[in-house]
């Protein structure tokens, strides 16, 4: 996939992944607000499946971006702090897959995995952002990461379910 010595390519893939995750979440949020269905949680239409698919892609691509940041900065921040990025990435990956499975495959038991993955991902994303600032990520990136996480939680169209 990515050559071990290809730092420029890794940075490009990481940045592109972060942008795609943000665009996917904005698209899903706008789509859920203009949806003809009152909620997209029950997957009773093609539109609901599409929104849940976009949500899953957003979670997985964010996990990919965090994994890329982990690879880029792990030597500068140390393994212990870098593991936070990996766990956050894994949390978002679990949340994305569990959310799709719960809503569209009827596996309601995975709702707990979604909540745990989301909480782990969100909390550790903020901590990882702070650690990234210490090792050289531009200040505006760190603030955007932290504030974007908080704003995303506060203004997401989740019907108060987070």
C-alpha atoms as a PDB file:
ATOM      1  CA  UNK A   1       0.000   0.000   0.000  1.00  0.00           C
ATOM      2  CA  UNK A   2       2.384   2.737   1.196  1.00  0.00           C
ATOM      3  CA  UNK A   3       6.132   2.250   0.892  1.00  0.00           C
ATOM      4  CA  UNK A   4       7.903   2.435   4.287  1.00  0.00           C
ATOM      5  CA  UNK A   5      10.173   5.319   3.224  1.00  0.00           C
ATOM      6  CA  UNK A   6       7.477   7.326   1.526  1.00  0.00           C
ATOM      7  CA  UNK A   7       6.827  10.031   4.131  1.00  0.00           C
ATOM      8  CA  UNK A   8       5.474  12.504   1.580  1.00  0.00           C
ATOM      9  CA  UNK A   9       2.990   9.957   0.269  1.00  0.00           C
ATOM     10  CA  UNK A  10       1.972   8.988   3.806  1.00  0.00           C
ATOM     11  CA  UNK A  11       1.337  12.652   4.618  1.00  0.00           C
ATOM     12  CA  UNK A  12      -0.715  13.041   1.446  1.00  0.00           C
ATOM     13  CA  UNK A  13      -2.841   9.975   2.201  1.00  0.00           C
ATOM     14  CA  UNK A  14      -3.291  11.071   5.828  1.00  0.00           C
ATOM     15  CA  UNK A  15      -4.351  14.598   4.900  1.00  0.00           C
ATOM     16  CA  UNK A  16      -6.655  13.400   2.144  1.00  0.00           C
ATOM     17  CA  UNK A  17      -8.233  10.889   4.534  1.00  0.00           C
ATOM     18  CA  UNK A  18      -8.900  13.602   7.104  1.00  0.00           C
ATOM     19  CA  UNK A  19     -10.507  15.849   4.481  1.00  0.00           C
ATOM     20  CA  UNK A  20     -12.640  12.994   3.135  1.00  0.00           C
ATOM     21  CA  UNK A  21     -13.789  12.076   6.647  1.00  0.00           C
ATOM     22  CA  UNK A  22     -14.867  15.656   7.293  1.00  0.00           C
ATOM     23  CA  UNK A  23     -16.678  15.894   3.962  1.00  0.00           C
ATOM     24  CA  UNK A  24     -18.411  12.572   4.595  1.00  0.00           C
ATOM     25  CA  UNK A  25     -19.665  13.717   7.993  1.00  0.00           C
ATOM     26  CA  UNK A  26     -20.910  17.033   6.651  1.00  0.00           C
ATOM     27  CA  UNK A  27     -22.644  15.205   3.784  1.00  0.00           C
ATOM     28  CA  UNK A  28     -24.244  12.704   6.165  1.00  0.00           C
ATOM     29  CA  UNK A  29     -25.365  15.425   8.543  1.00  0.00           C
ATOM     30  CA  UNK A  30     -26.922  17.537   5.777  1.00  0.00           C
ATOM     31  CA  UNK A  31     -28.459  14.407   4.267  1.00  0.00           C
ATOM     32  CA  UNK A  32     -30.046  13.419   7.572  1.00  0.00           C
ATOM     33  CA  UNK A  33     -31.487  16.910   8.046  1.00  0.00           C
ATOM     34  CA  UNK A  34     -33.149  16.962   4.608  1.00  0.00           C
ATOM     35  CA  UNK A  35     -34.160  13.312   4.682  1.00  0.00           C
ATOM     36  CA  UNK A  36     -37.775  12.528   3.792  1.00  0.00           C
ATOM     37  CA  UNK A  37     -37.640   9.940   6.596  1.00  0.00           C
ATOM     38  CA  UNK A  38     -37.821  11.207  10.177  1.00  0.00           C
ATOM     39  CA  UNK A  39     -34.794   9.166  11.176  1.00  0.00           C
ATOM     40  CA  UNK A  40     -32.169   7.166   9.369  1.00  0.00           C
ATOM     41  CA  UNK A  41     -31.565   4.778  12.257  1.00  0.00           C
ATOM     42  CA  UNK A  42     -33.940   2.048  11.103  1.00  0.00           C
ATOM     43  CA  UNK A  43     -32.702   1.552   7.501  1.00  0.00           C
ATOM     44  CA  UNK A  44     -36.151   1.214   5.968  1.00  0.00           C
ATOM     45  CA  UNK A  45     -35.233   2.970   2.702  1.00  0.00           C
ATOM     46  CA  UNK A  46     -32.356   3.240   0.255  1.00  0.00           C
ATOM     47  CA  UNK A  47     -31.753   6.749   1.568  1.00  0.00           C
ATOM     48  CA  UNK A  48     -31.260   5.383   5.088  1.00  0.00           C
ATOM     49  CA  UNK A  49     -28.784   2.781   3.842  1.00  0.00           C
ATOM     50  CA  UNK A  50     -26.891   5.492   1.967  1.00  0.00           C
ATOM     51  CA  UNK A  51     -26.656   7.747   5.038  1.00  0.00           C
ATOM     52  CA  UNK A  52     -25.500   4.886   7.248  1.00  0.00           C
ATOM     53  CA  UNK A  53     -22.949   3.874   4.621  1.00  0.00           C
ATOM     54  CA  UNK A  54     -21.599   7.426   4.444  1.00  0.00           C
ATOM     55  CA  UNK A  55     -21.400   7.497   8.251  1.00  0.00           C
ATOM     56  CA  UNK A  56     -19.432   4.247   8.278  1.00  0.00           C
ATOM     57  CA  UNK A  57     -17.055   5.532   5.602  1.00  0.00           C
ATOM     58  CA  UNK A  58     -16.515   8.710   7.649  1.00  0.00           C
ATOM     59  CA  UNK A  59     -15.592   6.702  10.751  1.00  0.00           C
ATOM     60  CA  UNK A  60     -13.254   4.367   8.871  1.00  0.00           C
ATOM     61  CA  UNK A  61     -11.509   7.125   6.921  1.00  0.00           C
ATOM     62  CA  UNK A  62     -11.017   9.107  10.133  1.00  0.00           C
ATOM     63  CA  UNK A  63      -9.435   5.993  11.628  1.00  0.00           C
ATOM     64  CA  UNK A  64      -7.132   5.817   8.608  1.00  0.00           C
ATOM     65  CA  UNK A  65      -6.152   9.473   9.075  1.00  0.00           C
ATOM     66  CA  UNK A  66      -5.381   8.900  12.762  1.00  0.00           C
ATOM     67  CA  UNK A  67      -3.335   5.827  11.893  1.00  0.00           C
ATOM     68  CA  UNK A  68      -1.371   7.954   9.425  1.00  0.00           C
ATOM     69  CA  UNK A  69      -0.733  10.622  12.058  1.00  0.00           C
ATOM     70  CA  UNK A  70       0.421   7.867  14.407  1.00  0.00           C
ATOM     71  CA  UNK A  71       2.890   6.579  11.795  1.00  0.00           C
ATOM     72  CA  UNK A  72       4.204  10.073  11.017  1.00  0.00           C
ATOM     73  CA  UNK A  73       4.699  11.302  14.591  1.00  0.00           C
ATOM     74  CA  UNK A  74       5.195   8.174  16.711  1.00  0.00           C
ATOM     75  CA  UNK A  75       8.975   8.485  17.007  1.00  0.00           C
ATOM     76  CA  UNK A  76       8.722  12.150  18.005  1.00  0.00           C
ATOM     77  CA  UNK A  77       6.013  11.641  20.623  1.00  0.00           C
ATOM     78  CA  UNK A  78       7.087   8.268  21.992  1.00  0.00           C
ATOM     79  CA  UNK A  79       5.302   4.939  21.790  1.00  0.00           C
ATOM     80  CA  UNK A  80       3.140   5.424  24.880  1.00  0.00           C
ATOM     81  CA  UNK A  81       1.562   8.645  23.647  1.00  0.00           C
ATOM     82  CA  UNK A  82       1.411   7.389  20.076  1.00  0.00           C
ATOM     83  CA  UNK A  83      -0.669   4.400  21.189  1.00  0.00           C
ATOM     84  CA  UNK A  84      -3.437   6.874  22.047  1.00  0.00           C
ATOM     85  CA  UNK A  85      -3.776   7.617  18.335  1.00  0.00           C
ATOM     86  CA  UNK A  86      -4.021   3.924  17.519  1.00  0.00           C
ATOM     87  CA  UNK A  87      -6.675   3.293  20.151  1.00  0.00           C
ATOM     88  CA  UNK A  88      -8.657   6.334  18.955  1.00  0.00           C
ATOM     89  CA  UNK A  89      -8.428   5.031  15.376  1.00  0.00           C
ATOM     90  CA  UNK A  90      -9.583   1.593  16.504  1.00  0.00           C
ATOM     91  CA  UNK A  91     -12.431   3.148  18.498  1.00  0.00           C
ATOM     92  CA  UNK A  92     -13.693   5.022  15.453  1.00  0.00           C
ATOM     93  CA  UNK A  93     -13.350   1.898  13.309  1.00  0.00           C
ATOM     94  CA  UNK A  94     -15.389  -0.153  15.778  1.00  0.00           C
ATOM     95  CA  UNK A  95     -17.978   2.621  16.062  1.00  0.00           C
ATOM     96  CA  UNK A  96     -18.387   2.856  12.299  1.00  0.00           C
ATOM     97  CA  UNK A  97     -18.788  -0.858  11.691  1.00  0.00           C
ATOM     98  CA  UNK A  98     -20.978  -1.404  14.759  1.00  0.00           C
ATOM     99  CA  UNK A  99     -23.219   1.519  13.810  1.00  0.00           C
ATOM    100  CA  UNK A 100     -23.836   0.164  10.313  1.00  0.00           C
ATOM    101  CA  UNK A 101     -24.409  -3.367  11.626  1.00  0.00           C
ATOM    102  CA  UNK A 102     -26.744  -2.179  14.350  1.00  0.00           C
ATOM    103  CA  UNK A 103     -28.875   0.065  12.154  1.00  0.00           C
ATOM    104  CA  UNK A 104     -28.960  -1.813   8.869  1.00  0.00           C
ATOM    105  CA  UNK A 105     -28.366  -5.457   9.785  1.00  0.00           C
ATOM    106  CA  UNK A 106     -30.575  -5.462  12.871  1.00  0.00           C
ATOM    107  CA  UNK A 107     -27.764  -6.443  15.235  1.00  0.00           C
ATOM    108  CA  UNK A 108     -28.970  -4.317  18.131  1.00  0.00           C
ATOM    109  CA  UNK A 109     -26.414  -5.774  20.526  1.00  0.00           C
ATOM    110  CA  UNK A 110     -23.704  -3.860  18.647  1.00  0.00           C
ATOM    111  CA  UNK A 111     -25.157  -0.578  19.895  1.00  0.00           C
ATOM    112  CA  UNK A 112     -22.971  -0.909  22.976  1.00  0.00           C
ATOM    113  CA  UNK A 113     -19.873  -1.425  20.812  1.00  0.00           C
ATOM    114  CA  UNK A 114     -20.806   1.737  18.888  1.00  0.00           C
ATOM    115  CA  UNK A 115     -21.120   3.805  22.054  1.00  0.00           C
ATOM    116  CA  UNK A 116     -17.880   2.493  23.565  1.00  0.00           C
ATOM    117  CA  UNK A 117     -15.989   2.965  20.283  1.00  0.00           C
ATOM    118  CA  UNK A 118     -17.360   6.480  19.856  1.00  0.00           C
ATOM    119  CA  UNK A 119     -16.537   7.545  23.413  1.00  0.00           C
ATOM    120  CA  UNK A 120     -13.038   6.052  23.204  1.00  0.00           C
ATOM    121  CA  UNK A 121     -12.454   7.651  19.829  1.00  0.00           C
ATOM    122  CA  UNK A 122     -13.707  11.109  20.798  1.00  0.00           C
ATOM    123  CA  UNK A 123     -11.912  11.355  24.136  1.00  0.00           C
ATOM    124  CA  UNK A 124      -8.639   9.986  22.829  1.00  0.00           C
ATOM    125  CA  UNK A 125      -8.847  12.132  19.692  1.00  0.00           C
ATOM    126  CA  UNK A 126      -8.731  15.255  21.848  1.00  0.00           C
ATOM    127  CA  UNK A 127      -5.786  13.893  23.881  1.00  0.00           C
ATOM    128  CA  UNK A 128      -3.977  12.809  20.710  1.00  0.00           C
ATOM    129  CA  UNK A 129      -4.472  16.296  19.269  1.00  0.00           C
ATOM    130  CA  UNK A 130      -2.829  17.854  22.313  1.00  0.00           C
ATOM    131  CA  UNK A 131       0.121  15.447  22.071  1.00  0.00           C
ATOM    132  CA  UNK A 132       0.477  16.135  18.346  1.00  0.00           C
ATOM    133  CA  UNK A 133       0.814  19.846  19.072  1.00  0.00           C
ATOM    134  CA  UNK A 134       3.783  19.111  21.312  1.00  0.00           C
ATOM    135  CA  UNK A 135       5.642  17.313  18.530  1.00  0.00           C
ATOM    136  CA  UNK A 136       5.218  19.803  15.752  1.00  0.00           C
ATOM    137  CA  UNK A 137       1.750  19.688  14.256  1.00  0.00           C
ATOM    138  CA  UNK A 138       0.842  23.280  13.350  1.00  0.00           C
ATOM    139  CA  UNK A 139      -1.173  25.075  15.992  1.00  0.00           C
ATOM    140  CA  UNK A 140      -4.140  25.662  13.692  1.00  0.00           C
ATOM    141  CA  UNK A 141      -4.358  21.909  12.971  1.00  0.00           C
ATOM    142  CA  UNK A 142      -4.430  21.066  16.651  1.00  0.00           C
ATOM    143  CA  UNK A 143      -7.110  23.625  17.442  1.00  0.00           C
ATOM    144  CA  UNK A 144      -9.154  22.519  14.440  1.00  0.00           C
ATOM    145  CA  UNK A 145      -8.902  18.894  15.574  1.00  0.00           C
ATOM    146  CA  UNK A 146      -9.928  19.622  19.166  1.00  0.00           C
ATOM    147  CA  UNK A 147     -12.622  22.214  18.398  1.00  0.00           C
ATOM    148  CA  UNK A 148     -13.959  20.170  15.489  1.00  0.00           C
ATOM    149  CA  UNK A 149     -14.424  17.212  17.808  1.00  0.00           C
ATOM    150  CA  UNK A 150     -16.285  19.287  20.400  1.00  0.00           C
ATOM    151  CA  UNK A 151     -18.447  21.071  17.803  1.00  0.00           C
ATOM    152  CA  UNK A 152     -19.165  17.775  16.071  1.00  0.00           C
ATOM    153  CA  UNK A 153     -20.477  16.267  19.289  1.00  0.00           C
ATOM    154  CA  UNK A 154     -22.506  19.328  20.258  1.00  0.00           C
ATOM    155  CA  UNK A 155     -24.141  19.977  16.894  1.00  0.00           C
ATOM    156  CA  UNK A 156     -24.456  16.539  15.343  1.00  0.00           C
ATOM    157  CA  UNK A 157     -27.915  15.506  14.270  1.00  0.00           C
ATOM    158  CA  UNK A 158     -28.168  12.440  16.480  1.00  0.00           C
ATOM    159  CA  UNK A 159     -31.495  13.172  18.120  1.00  0.00           C
ATOM    160  CA  UNK A 160     -29.833  13.457  21.517  1.00  0.00           C
ATOM    161  CA  UNK A 161     -28.628   9.864  21.410  1.00  0.00           C
ATOM    162  CA  UNK A 162     -24.908  10.450  21.931  1.00  0.00           C
END
